[in-house]
Amino acid sequence: MGCAISDLATKKEFSQRDGEEAAAAAAAAHLSEEQVQMIKDSWKVIRDDIAKVGIIMFVGLFETHPECKDVFFLFRDVQDLEKLRTNRELRAHGLRVMSFIEKSVARLDQPERLEALAVELGKSHYHYNAPPKYYNYVGAEFICAVQPILKERWTAELEEAWKTMFQYVASLMRQGYQDESDRQRNLTASPKDRLDKKNTAL
């Protein structure tokens, strides 16, 4: 099933923006006050259905990108995605993701706090073995899940604002994932390797 994101960005385009990460991050770091307010106003409506949105979002994710199920041990072997709609563990995970989105929305006008939050989440996703290529998929599925809830409130401008926010958050999570990957690689390097690196550093 899934949904069709408007002509502003197809799901494929939304999730394959790796070459534009710097531009997306710069744009999101400068979301206009109007865009921030639009996101916050729409969140007030979405918040009433967060459990529902969380489930729709993940069922849609597993439907459009079945490889994502590999990250989730509990859902890896589930073939009937309809069964997941009543799955308690998926509901709980969906609520955790929605809680992160709520915190991100609350910090849109506090960029340092938003950055710290998203980078930390990226670091934790390194330990969950959840690779960065999946991060944008969640934003695309969120947009699909909330359109029917917002009905006539959903506009091209609102879609662009949410899309930009998710691209920015995904870029920060990638940064956190990479930072943690580098840290772990350094921890596992032999003492001789670390000494050699020190000796070659200028």
C-alpha atoms as a PDB file:
ATOM      1  CA  MET A   1       0.000   0.000   0.000  1.00  0.00           C
ATOM      2  CA  GLY A   2       2.001   2.990   1.262  1.00  0.00           C
ATOM      3  CA  CYS A   3       1.294   6.432  -0.098  1.00  0.00           C
ATOM      4  CA  ALA A   4       2.495   8.735  -2.775  1.00  0.00           C
ATOM      5  CA  ILE A   5       4.414  11.700  -1.466  1.00  0.00           C
ATOM      6  CA  SER A   6       3.451  14.654  -3.643  1.00  0.00           C
ATOM      7  CA  ASP A   7       5.382  15.803  -6.692  1.00  0.00           C
ATOM      8  CA  LEU A   8       7.626  17.811  -4.382  1.00  0.00           C
ATOM      9  CA  ALA A   9       9.505  14.597  -3.656  1.00  0.00           C
ATOM     10  CA  THR A  10       8.830  10.994  -4.454  1.00  0.00           C
ATOM     11  CA  LYS A  11       9.731   8.472  -1.767  1.00  0.00           C
ATOM     12  CA  LYS A  12      12.730   7.437  -3.831  1.00  0.00           C
ATOM     13  CA  GLU A  13      13.933  11.017  -4.176  1.00  0.00           C
ATOM     14  CA  PHE A  14      13.285  11.667  -0.475  1.00  0.00           C
ATOM     15  CA  SER A  15      15.364   8.706   0.620  1.00  0.00           C
ATOM     16  CA  GLN A  16      18.223   9.078  -1.858  1.00  0.00           C
ATOM     17  CA  ARG A  17      19.531  12.501  -0.999  1.00  0.00           C
ATOM     18  CA  ASP A  18      22.989  11.409   0.183  1.00  0.00           C
ATOM     19  CA  GLY A  19      24.693  13.724  -2.284  1.00  0.00           C
ATOM     20  CA  GLU A  20      22.679  16.662  -0.969  1.00  0.00           C
ATOM     21  CA  GLU A  21      23.192  16.134   2.765  1.00  0.00           C
ATOM     22  CA  ALA A  22      25.234  19.305   3.286  1.00  0.00           C
ATOM     23  CA  ALA A  23      22.669  21.423   1.448  1.00  0.00           C
ATOM     24  CA  ALA A  24      19.792  19.804   3.331  1.00  0.00           C
ATOM     25  CA  ALA A  25      21.511  20.345   6.671  1.00  0.00           C
ATOM     26  CA  ALA A  26      22.209  23.982   5.843  1.00  0.00           C
ATOM     27  CA  ALA A  27      18.616  24.546   4.736  1.00  0.00           C
ATOM     28  CA  ALA A  28      17.158  22.894   7.820  1.00  0.00           C
ATOM     29  CA  ALA A  29      19.471  24.768  10.118  1.00  0.00           C
ATOM     30  CA  HIS A  30      17.788  27.849   8.673  1.00  0.00           C
ATOM     31  CA  LEU A  31      14.162  26.747   8.713  1.00  0.00           C
ATOM     32  CA  SER A  32      12.183  29.945   8.631  1.00  0.00           C
ATOM     33  CA  GLU A  33      10.164  30.963  11.671  1.00  0.00           C
ATOM     34  CA  GLU A  34       7.061  30.357   9.601  1.00  0.00           C
ATOM     35  CA  GLN A  35       8.134  26.793   8.783  1.00  0.00           C
ATOM     36  CA  VAL A  36       8.959  26.070  12.405  1.00  0.00           C
ATOM     37  CA  GLN A  37       5.546  27.356  13.455  1.00  0.00           C
ATOM     38  CA  MET A  38       3.828  25.293  10.742  1.00  0.00           C
ATOM     39  CA  ILE A  39       5.535  22.133  12.008  1.00  0.00           C
ATOM     40  CA  LYS A  40       4.670  22.911  15.627  1.00  0.00           C
ATOM     41  CA  ASP A  41       1.025  23.684  14.791  1.00  0.00           C
ATOM     42  CA  SER A  42       0.624  20.490  12.793  1.00  0.00           C
ATOM     43  CA  TRP A  43       2.290  18.477  15.557  1.00  0.00           C
ATOM     44  CA  LYS A  44      -0.469  19.549  17.959  1.00  0.00           C
ATOM     45  CA  VAL A  45      -2.930  17.678  15.726  1.00  0.00           C
ATOM     46  CA  ILE A  46      -0.645  14.697  15.036  1.00  0.00           C
ATOM     47  CA  ARG A  47       0.110  14.262  18.752  1.00  0.00           C
ATOM     48  CA  ASP A  48      -3.423  13.010  19.417  1.00  0.00           C
ATOM     49  CA  ASP A  49      -2.738   9.987  17.183  1.00  0.00           C
ATOM     50  CA  ILE A  50       0.924   9.250  17.913  1.00  0.00           C
ATOM     51  CA  ALA A  51       0.453   5.530  18.634  1.00  0.00           C
ATOM     52  CA  LYS A  52      -1.492   5.096  15.400  1.00  0.00           C
ATOM     53  CA  VAL A  53       1.045   7.105  13.382  1.00  0.00           C
ATOM     54  CA  GLY A  54       3.939   5.109  14.861  1.00  0.00           C
ATOM     55  CA  ILE A  55       2.410   1.803  13.772  1.00  0.00           C
ATOM     56  CA  ILE A  56       1.390   3.028  10.300  1.00  0.00           C
ATOM     57  CA  MET A  57       4.874   4.454   9.855  1.00  0.00           C
ATOM     58  CA  PHE A  58       6.674   1.178  10.635  1.00  0.00           C
ATOM     59  CA  VAL A  59       4.262  -1.087   8.766  1.00  0.00           C
ATOM     60  CA  GLY A  60       4.764   1.217   5.770  1.00  0.00           C
ATOM     61  CA  LEU A  61       8.532   1.103   6.275  1.00  0.00           C
ATOM     62  CA  PHE A  62       8.605  -2.704   6.304  1.00  0.00           C
ATOM     63  CA  GLU A  63       6.330  -2.787   3.281  1.00  0.00           C
ATOM     64  CA  THR A  64       8.373  -0.405   1.116  1.00  0.00           C
ATOM     65  CA  HIS A  65      11.802  -1.402   2.491  1.00  0.00           C
ATOM     66  CA  PRO A  66      11.526  -5.008   3.772  1.00  0.00           C
ATOM     67  CA  GLU A  67      15.281  -5.107   4.355  1.00  0.00           C
ATOM     68  CA  CYS A  68      14.721  -2.763   7.328  1.00  0.00           C
ATOM     69  CA  LYS A  69      13.138  -5.665   9.203  1.00  0.00           C
ATOM     70  CA  ASP A  70      16.620  -7.157   9.601  1.00  0.00           C
ATOM     71  CA  VAL A  71      17.379  -4.459  12.184  1.00  0.00           C
ATOM     72  CA  PHE A  72      14.412  -5.586  14.285  1.00  0.00           C
ATOM     73  CA  PHE A  73      14.977  -9.050  15.726  1.00  0.00           C
ATOM     74  CA  LEU A  74      11.343  -9.371  16.869  1.00  0.00           C
ATOM     75  CA  PHE A  75       9.842  -8.574  13.450  1.00  0.00           C
ATOM     76  CA  ARG A  76      12.488 -10.082  11.186  1.00  0.00           C
ATOM     77  CA  ASP A  77      10.513 -13.192  10.256  1.00  0.00           C
ATOM     78  CA  VAL A  78       7.020 -11.688  10.195  1.00  0.00           C
ATOM     79  CA  GLN A  79       5.593 -12.129   6.692  1.00  0.00           C
ATOM     80  CA  ASP A  80       2.053 -10.895   7.348  1.00  0.00           C
ATOM     81  CA  LEU A  81       2.539  -7.161   7.897  1.00  0.00           C
ATOM     82  CA  GLU A  82      -1.113  -6.776   8.928  1.00  0.00           C
ATOM     83  CA  LYS A  83      -0.298  -8.765  12.068  1.00  0.00           C
ATOM     84  CA  LEU A  84       2.174  -6.077  13.046  1.00  0.00           C
ATOM     85  CA  ARG A  85      -0.626  -3.518  13.385  1.00  0.00           C
ATOM     86  CA  THR A  86      -1.595  -5.133  16.690  1.00  0.00           C
ATOM     87  CA  ASN A  87       1.934  -6.030  17.803  1.00  0.00           C
ATOM     88  CA  ARG A  88       2.716  -4.607  21.251  1.00  0.00           C
ATOM     89  CA  GLU A  89       6.472  -4.395  20.668  1.00  0.00           C
ATOM     90  CA  LEU A  90       6.012  -2.499  17.419  1.00  0.00           C
ATOM     91  CA  ARG A  91       3.566  -0.140  19.114  1.00  0.00           C
ATOM     92  CA  ALA A  92       6.130   0.510  21.881  1.00  0.00           C
ATOM     93  CA  HIS A  93       8.917   1.155  19.375  1.00  0.00           C
ATOM     94  CA  GLY A  94       6.664   3.410  17.314  1.00  0.00           C
ATOM     95  CA  LEU A  95       5.892   5.431  20.444  1.00  0.00           C
ATOM     96  CA  ARG A  96       9.619   5.799  21.198  1.00  0.00           C
ATOM     97  CA  VAL A  97      10.234   7.138  17.694  1.00  0.00           C
ATOM     98  CA  MET A  98       7.265   9.495  17.979  1.00  0.00           C
ATOM     99  CA  SER A  99       8.641  10.703  21.309  1.00  0.00           C
ATOM    100  CA  PHE A 100      11.935  11.516  19.570  1.00  0.00           C
ATOM    101  CA  ILE A 101      10.051  13.421  16.857  1.00  0.00           C
ATOM    102  CA  GLU A 102       8.153  15.347  19.549  1.00  0.00           C
ATOM    103  CA  LYS A 103      11.432  16.288  21.256  1.00  0.00           C
ATOM    104  CA  SER A 104      12.897  17.333  17.898  1.00  0.00           C
ATOM    105  CA  VAL A 105       9.894  19.562  17.163  1.00  0.00           C
ATOM    106  CA  ALA A 106      10.191  21.154  20.625  1.00  0.00           C
ATOM    107  CA  ARG A 107      13.873  21.924  19.951  1.00  0.00           C
ATOM    108  CA  LEU A 108      13.491  23.403  16.462  1.00  0.00           C
ATOM    109  CA  ASP A 109      14.180  26.872  17.837  1.00  0.00           C
ATOM    110  CA  GLN A 110      17.019  25.521  20.034  1.00  0.00           C
ATOM    111  CA  PRO A 111      19.442  24.162  17.390  1.00  0.00           C
ATOM    112  CA  GLU A 112      22.208  23.198  19.838  1.00  0.00           C
ATOM    113  CA  ARG A 113      19.810  21.016  21.853  1.00  0.00           C
ATOM    114  CA  LEU A 114      18.340  19.473  18.695  1.00  0.00           C
ATOM    115  CA  GLU A 115      21.816  18.693  17.393  1.00  0.00           C
ATOM    116  CA  ALA A 116      22.854  17.042  20.663  1.00  0.00           C
ATOM    117  CA  LEU A 117      19.659  14.952  20.716  1.00  0.00           C
ATOM    118  CA  ALA A 118      19.960  13.712  17.120  1.00  0.00           C
ATOM    119  CA  VAL A 119      23.712  13.052  17.248  1.00  0.00           C
ATOM    120  CA  GLU A 120      23.225  10.987  20.414  1.00  0.00           C
ATOM    121  CA  LEU A 121      20.466   8.975  18.735  1.00  0.00           C
ATOM    122  CA  GLY A 122      22.779   8.324  15.782  1.00  0.00           C
ATOM    123  CA  LYS A 123      25.434   7.016  18.176  1.00  0.00           C
ATOM    124  CA  SER A 124      22.965   4.634  19.800  1.00  0.00           C
ATOM    125  CA  HIS A 125      21.839   3.397  16.367  1.00  0.00           C
ATOM    126  CA  TYR A 126      25.416   2.300  15.689  1.00  0.00           C
ATOM    127  CA  HIS A 127      25.003  -0.167  18.572  1.00  0.00           C
ATOM    128  CA  TYR A 128      21.597  -1.271  17.253  1.00  0.00           C
ATOM    129  CA  ASN A 129      23.275  -2.069  13.904  1.00  0.00           C
ATOM    130  CA  ALA A 130      20.810   0.299  12.209  1.00  0.00           C
ATOM    131  CA  PRO A 131      22.753   1.767   9.252  1.00  0.00           C
ATOM    132  CA  PRO A 132      22.343   5.413   8.204  1.00  0.00           C
ATOM    133  CA  LYS A 133      20.834   4.505   4.826  1.00  0.00           C
ATOM    134  CA  TYR A 134      17.566   3.723   6.667  1.00  0.00           C
ATOM    135  CA  TYR A 135      17.177   7.066   8.454  1.00  0.00           C
ATOM    136  CA  ASN A 136      15.530   9.013   5.623  1.00  0.00           C
ATOM    137  CA  TYR A 137      13.063   6.180   5.010  1.00  0.00           C
ATOM    138  CA  VAL A 138      11.419   6.918   8.369  1.00  0.00           C
ATOM    139  CA  GLY A 139      10.823  10.562   7.441  1.00  0.00           C
ATOM    140  CA  ALA A 140       9.154   9.537   4.182  1.00  0.00           C
ATOM    141  CA  GLU A 141       6.877   7.074   5.988  1.00  0.00           C
ATOM    142  CA  PHE A 142       6.027   9.634   8.675  1.00  0.00           C
ATOM    143  CA  ILE A 143       4.864  12.054   5.979  1.00  0.00           C
ATOM    144  CA  CYS A 144       2.692   9.346   4.432  1.00  0.00           C
ATOM    145  CA  ALA A 145       1.218   8.438   7.819  1.00  0.00           C
ATOM    146  CA  VAL A 146       0.250  11.971   8.859  1.00  0.00           C
ATOM    147  CA  GLN A 147      -1.276  13.234   5.607  1.00  0.00           C
ATOM    148  CA  PRO A 148      -4.656  11.523   6.231  1.00  0.00           C
ATOM    149  CA  ILE A 149      -4.699  12.807   9.814  1.00  0.00           C
ATOM    150  CA  LEU A 150      -4.057  16.426   8.845  1.00  0.00           C
ATOM    151  CA  LYS A 151      -6.465  16.269   5.871  1.00  0.00           C
ATOM    152  CA  GLU A 152      -6.987  19.746   4.418  1.00  0.00           C
ATOM    153  CA  ARG A 153      -4.317  21.182   6.721  1.00  0.00           C
ATOM    154  CA  TRP A 154      -1.696  19.283   4.674  1.00  0.00           C
ATOM    155  CA  THR A 155      -0.097  21.576   2.082  1.00  0.00           C
ATOM    156  CA  ALA A 156       2.958  21.494  -0.175  1.00  0.00           C
ATOM    157  CA  GLU A 157       4.576  24.070   2.124  1.00  0.00           C
ATOM    158  CA  LEU A 158       3.978  21.953   5.223  1.00  0.00           C
ATOM    159  CA  GLU A 159       5.327  18.875   3.444  1.00  0.00           C
ATOM    160  CA  GLU A 160       8.467  20.787   2.487  1.00  0.00           C
ATOM    161  CA  ALA A 161       8.956  21.961   6.093  1.00  0.00           C
ATOM    162  CA  TRP A 162       8.636  18.424   7.540  1.00  0.00           C
ATOM    163  CA  LYS A 163      10.803  16.955   4.792  1.00  0.00           C
ATOM    164  CA  THR A 164      13.541  19.510   5.470  1.00  0.00           C
ATOM    165  CA  MET A 165      13.399  18.845   9.200  1.00  0.00           C
ATOM    166  CA  PHE A 166      13.743  15.100   8.697  1.00  0.00           C
ATOM    167  CA  GLN A 167      16.649  15.515   6.296  1.00  0.00           C
ATOM    168  CA  TYR A 168      18.422  17.686   8.838  1.00  0.00           C
ATOM    169  CA  VAL A 169      17.797  15.255  11.702  1.00  0.00           C
ATOM    170  CA  ALA A 170      18.917  12.329   9.519  1.00  0.00           C
ATOM    171  CA  SER A 171      22.157  14.155   8.658  1.00  0.00           C
ATOM    172  CA  LEU A 172      22.844  14.726  12.375  1.00  0.00           C
ATOM    173  CA  MET A 173      22.117  11.069  13.136  1.00  0.00           C
ATOM    174  CA  ARG A 174      24.553  10.051  10.388  1.00  0.00           C
ATOM    175  CA  GLN A 175      27.149  12.274  12.005  1.00  0.00           C
ATOM    176  CA  GLY A 176      26.554  10.582  15.373  1.00  0.00           C
ATOM    177  CA  TYR A 177      26.685   7.117  13.800  1.00  0.00           C
ATOM    178  CA  GLN A 178      29.985   7.944  12.089  1.00  0.00           C
ATOM    179  CA  ASP A 179      31.453   9.474  15.260  1.00  0.00           C
ATOM    180  CA  GLU A 180      30.622   6.331  17.224  1.00  0.00           C
ATOM    181  CA  SER A 181      31.889   4.081  14.429  1.00  0.00           C
ATOM    182  CA  ASP A 182      35.199   5.975  14.440  1.00  0.00           C
ATOM    183  CA  ARG A 183      35.381   5.822  18.244  1.00  0.00           C
ATOM    184  CA  GLN A 184      34.784   2.064  18.290  1.00  0.00           C
ATOM    185  CA  ARG A 185      37.355   1.519  15.538  1.00  0.00           C
ATOM    186  CA  ASN A 186      39.885   3.504  17.561  1.00  0.00           C
ATOM    187  CA  LEU A 187      39.087   1.503  20.712  1.00  0.00           C
ATOM    188  CA  THR A 188      39.684  -1.792  18.926  1.00  0.00           C
ATOM    189  CA  ALA A 189      42.888  -0.640  17.239  1.00  0.00           C
ATOM    190  CA  SER A 190      45.975  -2.214  18.766  1.00  0.00           C
ATOM    191  CA  PRO A 191      48.156  -0.045  21.061  1.00  0.00           C
ATOM    192  CA  LYS A 192      50.881  -0.197  18.362  1.00  0.00           C
ATOM    193  CA  ASP A 193      48.447   1.151  15.730  1.00  0.00           C
ATOM    194  CA  ARG A 194      47.457   4.011  18.051  1.00  0.00           C
ATOM    195  CA  LEU A 195      51.132   4.755  18.756  1.00  0.00           C
ATOM    196  CA  ASP A 196      51.953   4.729  15.026  1.00  0.00           C
ATOM    197  CA  LYS A 197      49.082   7.155  14.391  1.00  0.00           C
ATOM    198  CA  LYS A 198      50.371   9.483  17.096  1.00  0.00           C
ATOM    199  CA  ASN A 199      53.864   9.377  15.611  1.00  0.00           C
ATOM    200  CA  THR A 200      52.648  10.209  12.119  1.00  0.00           C
ATOM    201  CA  ALA A 201      50.363  13.057  13.210  1.00  0.00           C
ATOM    202  CA  LEU A 202      51.729  16.528  12.569  1.00  0.00           C
END
